[in-house]
């Protein structure tokens, strides 16, 4: 059993409105996911809503405590376990799914599962094609964060190409909405920092990126620098 390198004895102040626990039984429950890894976290947090999550992120940044976002825990690569504070996002947000059949679009909270989305979309003869083997309980937030795929990857690609927009909490604790072909919305300097500090370096390395990035149908390693260079989005 792994051991936490962090001591987090007190919850963020002012206290989260959601759940925050440091007792060993609660931490042990979140010590593993679907993979073989077992790491006991320092604490577990279940934010009540987006504002609660943003507060937790700001606190963790100020204290230097790593957060481990977790959906259903269905990932096998170990990204859902760690020795910081595991943040359970499987219950956050409105669980309803809004289907817009005329635009062939859907909107849903990160906590909605792939199965729930496809059941709602199926009433309109629509679906989200990527089909991870854990789709019955994998959350959409987890699928997006891992660029999930499945047996239909060769034909339909992984989930990244099927996402039009996402609302996220930045490392500064700001809530930002990113959408394809649009400027970021929200009170954050994220876009400005990217444009001034990151984008020039990526463009300068365009030749190297084109040379070394694998030409595979699915690549979820690192950042999609090749896709950004191609789209600028």
Protein backbone atom coordinates (compact mmCIF):
# COMPACT_ATOMS: atom_id res chain seq x y z
CA UNK A 1 0.00 0.00 0.00
CA UNK A 2 1.43 3.37 -0.99
CA UNK A 3 1.94 6.06 1.63
CA UNK A 4 1.03 9.72 1.30
CA UNK A 5 3.86 12.25 1.29
CA UNK A 6 1.53 15.04 2.37
CA UNK A 7 -0.12 15.88 5.66
CA UNK A 8 -3.49 17.50 5.22
CA UNK A 9 -5.07 17.44 8.64
CA UNK A 10 -7.47 20.37 8.31
CA UNK A 11 -10.01 21.08 5.58
CA UNK A 12 -9.72 24.23 3.47
CA UNK A 13 -10.75 27.35 5.32
CA UNK A 14 -13.43 28.55 5.16
CA UNK A 15 -14.74 25.01 5.25
CA UNK A 16 -15.93 23.42 2.04
CA UNK A 17 -19.67 23.00 1.74
CA UNK A 18 -19.07 19.55 0.33
CA UNK A 19 -17.33 16.58 1.94
CA UNK A 20 -13.71 16.65 3.11
CA UNK A 21 -12.28 13.65 4.96
CA UNK A 22 -8.86 12.60 6.20
CA UNK A 23 -9.79 9.41 8.07
CA UNK A 24 -8.10 6.24 6.86
CA UNK A 25 -11.27 4.31 5.88
CA UNK A 26 -12.35 7.10 3.51
CA UNK A 27 -8.85 7.48 2.09
CA UNK A 28 -8.54 3.72 1.57
CA UNK A 29 -11.70 3.69 -0.56
CA UNK A 30 -10.04 6.11 -2.99
CA UNK A 31 -6.61 4.43 -2.91
CA UNK A 32 -7.23 2.53 -6.15
CA UNK A 33 -9.16 2.67 -9.39
CA UNK A 34 -9.61 0.08 -12.10
CA UNK A 35 -5.85 -0.39 -12.55
CA UNK A 36 -3.25 -2.18 -10.44
CA UNK A 37 -1.99 0.92 -8.62
CA UNK A 38 -2.70 1.51 -4.94
CA UNK A 39 -1.76 4.84 -3.36
CA UNK A 40 -3.46 6.07 -0.20
CA UNK A 41 -4.27 9.79 -0.61
CA UNK A 42 -3.77 12.44 2.06
CA UNK A 43 -7.48 13.30 1.97
CA UNK A 44 -10.57 13.08 -0.18
CA UNK A 45 -12.84 15.94 -1.20
CA UNK A 46 -16.29 15.88 -2.77
CA UNK A 47 -17.14 19.48 -3.79
CA UNK A 48 -20.77 20.53 -3.57
CA UNK A 49 -20.68 22.49 -6.85
CA UNK A 50 -18.39 24.37 -9.23
CA UNK A 51 -17.87 27.26 -6.81
CA UNK A 52 -16.87 24.77 -4.13
CA UNK A 53 -14.42 23.15 -6.55
CA UNK A 54 -12.90 26.53 -7.46
CA UNK A 55 -12.39 27.28 -3.76
CA UNK A 56 -10.67 23.92 -3.28
CA UNK A 57 -8.34 24.59 -6.22
CA UNK A 58 -7.36 28.02 -4.89
CA UNK A 59 -6.67 26.55 -1.44
CA UNK A 60 -4.57 23.71 -2.86
CA UNK A 61 -2.55 26.15 -4.95
CA UNK A 62 -1.82 28.36 -1.97
CA UNK A 63 -0.81 25.39 0.19
CA UNK A 64 1.15 23.52 -2.48
CA UNK A 65 -1.08 20.45 -2.17
CA UNK A 66 -1.61 18.37 -5.34
CA UNK A 67 -5.16 17.55 -6.38
CA UNK A 68 -6.07 14.30 -8.13
CA UNK A 69 -9.29 14.76 -10.17
CA UNK A 70 -11.36 11.58 -10.28
CA UNK A 71 -14.53 10.63 -12.10
CA UNK A 72 -15.81 7.07 -11.82
CA UNK A 73 -12.32 5.70 -11.18
CA UNK A 74 -12.58 3.49 -14.26
CA UNK A 75 -9.22 4.50 -15.76
CA UNK A 76 -6.57 1.78 -15.68
CA UNK A 77 -3.48 3.95 -16.20
CA UNK A 78 -3.28 5.31 -12.63
CA UNK A 79 -4.35 8.88 -13.28
CA UNK A 80 -7.20 8.58 -10.77
CA UNK A 81 -4.99 7.81 -7.73
CA UNK A 82 -2.29 9.81 -5.98
CA UNK A 83 -0.91 10.90 -2.62
CA UNK A 84 -2.44 14.37 -2.59
CA UNK A 85 -6.15 15.17 -2.22
CA UNK A 86 -8.39 13.03 -4.42
CA UNK A 87 -11.27 15.16 -5.73
CA UNK A 88 -14.36 13.09 -6.47
CA UNK A 89 -16.18 14.79 -9.36
CA UNK A 90 -18.63 11.95 -10.07
CA UNK A 91 -21.43 13.74 -8.23
CA UNK A 92 -20.86 17.36 -9.19
CA UNK A 93 -23.21 19.30 -11.45
CA UNK A 94 -26.71 18.80 -12.77
CA UNK A 95 -27.06 15.19 -13.94
CA UNK A 96 -29.59 16.06 -16.64
CA UNK A 97 -28.62 15.73 -20.30
CA UNK A 98 -29.79 18.31 -22.84
CA UNK A 99 -30.08 16.97 -26.38
CA UNK A 100 -30.30 19.35 -29.35
CA UNK A 101 -31.11 16.97 -32.22
CA UNK A 102 -31.35 19.64 -34.89
CA UNK A 103 -27.70 20.61 -34.24
CA UNK A 104 -26.68 17.03 -33.43
CA UNK A 105 -25.30 18.32 -30.16
CA UNK A 106 -25.67 17.53 -26.47
CA UNK A 107 -24.66 19.30 -23.27
CA UNK A 108 -24.11 17.58 -19.95
CA UNK A 109 -22.22 17.83 -16.69
CA UNK A 110 -18.85 16.15 -16.31
CA UNK A 111 -20.44 13.68 -13.87
CA UNK A 112 -22.87 12.27 -16.47
CA UNK A 113 -21.84 8.83 -17.70
CA UNK A 114 -21.31 7.76 -21.28
CA UNK A 115 -24.24 5.37 -20.92
CA UNK A 116 -26.57 8.10 -19.63
CA UNK A 117 -25.63 10.40 -22.51
CA UNK A 118 -26.18 7.74 -25.15
CA UNK A 119 -29.50 6.68 -23.67
CA UNK A 120 -30.73 10.27 -23.93
CA UNK A 121 -29.25 10.74 -27.40
CA UNK A 122 -30.59 7.38 -28.57
CA UNK A 123 -34.14 8.71 -28.36
CA UNK A 124 -33.16 10.93 -31.31
CA UNK A 125 -31.16 8.25 -33.16
CA UNK A 126 -27.90 9.90 -32.05
CA UNK A 127 -24.93 8.74 -30.01
CA UNK A 128 -21.42 9.64 -28.89
CA UNK A 129 -19.39 7.16 -31.01
CA UNK A 130 -16.25 6.63 -28.86
CA UNK A 131 -17.05 3.59 -26.74
CA UNK A 132 -14.58 2.78 -23.94
CA UNK A 133 -15.10 -0.63 -22.37
CA UNK A 134 -16.05 1.11 -19.11
CA UNK A 135 -18.69 3.23 -20.85
CA UNK A 136 -21.51 2.01 -18.63
CA UNK A 137 -20.04 3.96 -15.71
CA UNK A 138 -17.24 6.14 -17.14
CA UNK A 139 -18.02 9.84 -16.67
CA UNK A 140 -17.84 12.34 -19.51
CA UNK A 141 -15.34 14.42 -17.54
CA UNK A 142 -13.07 11.41 -17.17
CA UNK A 143 -13.43 10.54 -20.84
CA UNK A 144 -12.50 14.07 -21.88
CA UNK A 145 -9.52 14.30 -19.52
CA UNK A 146 -8.06 11.01 -20.80
CA UNK A 147 -9.10 11.38 -24.45
CA UNK A 148 -10.93 8.07 -24.16
CA UNK A 149 -11.65 5.91 -27.17
CA UNK A 150 -12.63 2.26 -27.49
CA UNK A 151 -13.22 -0.33 -30.19
CA UNK A 152 -14.54 2.23 -32.71
CA UNK A 153 -11.44 4.43 -32.55
CA UNK A 154 -10.18 3.60 -36.04
CA UNK A 155 -13.42 4.74 -37.62
CA UNK A 156 -14.54 7.56 -35.33
CA UNK A 157 -11.41 8.70 -33.52
CA UNK A 158 -11.14 9.38 -29.80
CA UNK A 159 -13.36 11.63 -27.75
CA UNK A 160 -11.37 14.86 -28.23
CA UNK A 161 -12.70 15.45 -31.74
CA UNK A 162 -16.29 15.10 -30.49
CA UNK A 163 -16.05 17.87 -27.89
CA UNK A 164 -17.19 21.32 -28.98
CA UNK A 165 -16.84 23.17 -25.67
CA UNK A 166 -15.90 22.62 -22.05
CA UNK A 167 -16.24 24.55 -18.83
CA UNK A 168 -13.25 24.11 -16.56
CA UNK A 169 -11.61 25.38 -13.39
CA UNK A 170 -8.08 26.67 -14.00
CA UNK A 171 -5.14 26.26 -11.61
CA UNK A 172 -5.89 29.81 -10.43
CA UNK A 173 -9.38 28.78 -9.36
CA UNK A 174 -11.11 30.65 -12.19
CA UNK A 175 -14.06 29.16 -14.06
CA UNK A 176 -13.51 29.40 -17.82
CA UNK A 177 -15.47 28.21 -20.84
CA UNK A 178 -13.47 27.12 -23.87
CA UNK A 179 -15.20 26.53 -27.19
CA UNK A 180 -13.89 25.77 -30.64
CA UNK A 181 -13.45 28.88 -32.75
CA UNK A 182 -14.29 31.25 -29.88
CA UNK A 183 -12.36 33.31 -27.39
CA UNK A 184 -12.34 31.96 -23.81
CA UNK A 185 -15.13 33.23 -21.59
CA UNK A 186 -14.60 33.82 -17.88
CA UNK A 187 -12.53 35.83 -15.44
CA UNK A 188 -9.12 34.36 -16.19
CA UNK A 189 -5.86 35.44 -17.80
CA UNK A 190 -5.40 31.87 -19.04
CA UNK A 191 -5.75 32.77 -22.72
CA UNK A 192 -3.44 35.77 -22.44
CA UNK A 193 -0.76 33.72 -20.69
CA UNK A 194 -1.04 31.01 -23.33
CA UNK A 195 -0.78 33.50 -26.20
CA UNK A 196 2.25 35.30 -24.74
CA UNK A 197 4.20 32.50 -23.05
CA UNK A 198 3.24 29.20 -24.63
CA UNK A 199 2.05 29.70 -28.21
CA UNK A 200 5.30 31.30 -29.48
CA UNK A 201 7.33 28.36 -28.18
CA UNK A 202 5.04 25.82 -29.82
CA UNK A 203 5.22 27.65 -33.14
CA UNK A 204 9.01 27.86 -32.89
CA UNK A 205 9.16 24.09 -32.44
CA UNK A 206 6.71 23.34 -35.27
CA UNK A 207 9.32 21.52 -37.35
CA UNK A 208 10.34 19.25 -34.49
CA UNK A 209 6.71 18.55 -33.56
CA UNK A 210 5.86 17.55 -37.13
CA UNK A 211 8.91 15.29 -37.26
CA UNK A 212 8.54 13.42 -33.97
CA UNK A 213 4.80 13.21 -33.30
CA UNK A 214 3.50 9.71 -34.10
CA UNK A 215 1.15 9.41 -37.04
CA UNK A 216 -1.26 7.15 -35.18
CA UNK A 217 -5.05 7.29 -35.26
CA UNK A 218 -5.15 7.79 -31.48
CA UNK A 219 -2.48 9.45 -29.37
CA UNK A 220 -3.29 10.46 -25.80
CA UNK A 221 0.29 11.00 -24.64
CA UNK A 222 1.18 14.53 -23.56
CA UNK A 223 -0.43 17.51 -25.26
CA UNK A 224 -1.97 17.58 -28.74
CA UNK A 225 0.58 20.10 -30.01
CA UNK A 226 0.27 18.84 -33.57
CA UNK A 227 -3.51 19.36 -33.53
CA UNK A 228 -3.10 22.88 -32.13
CA UNK A 229 -0.59 23.79 -34.80
CA UNK A 230 -2.98 22.57 -37.46
CA UNK A 231 -6.02 24.43 -36.11
CA UNK A 232 -4.66 27.33 -34.05
CA UNK A 233 -7.64 26.69 -31.74
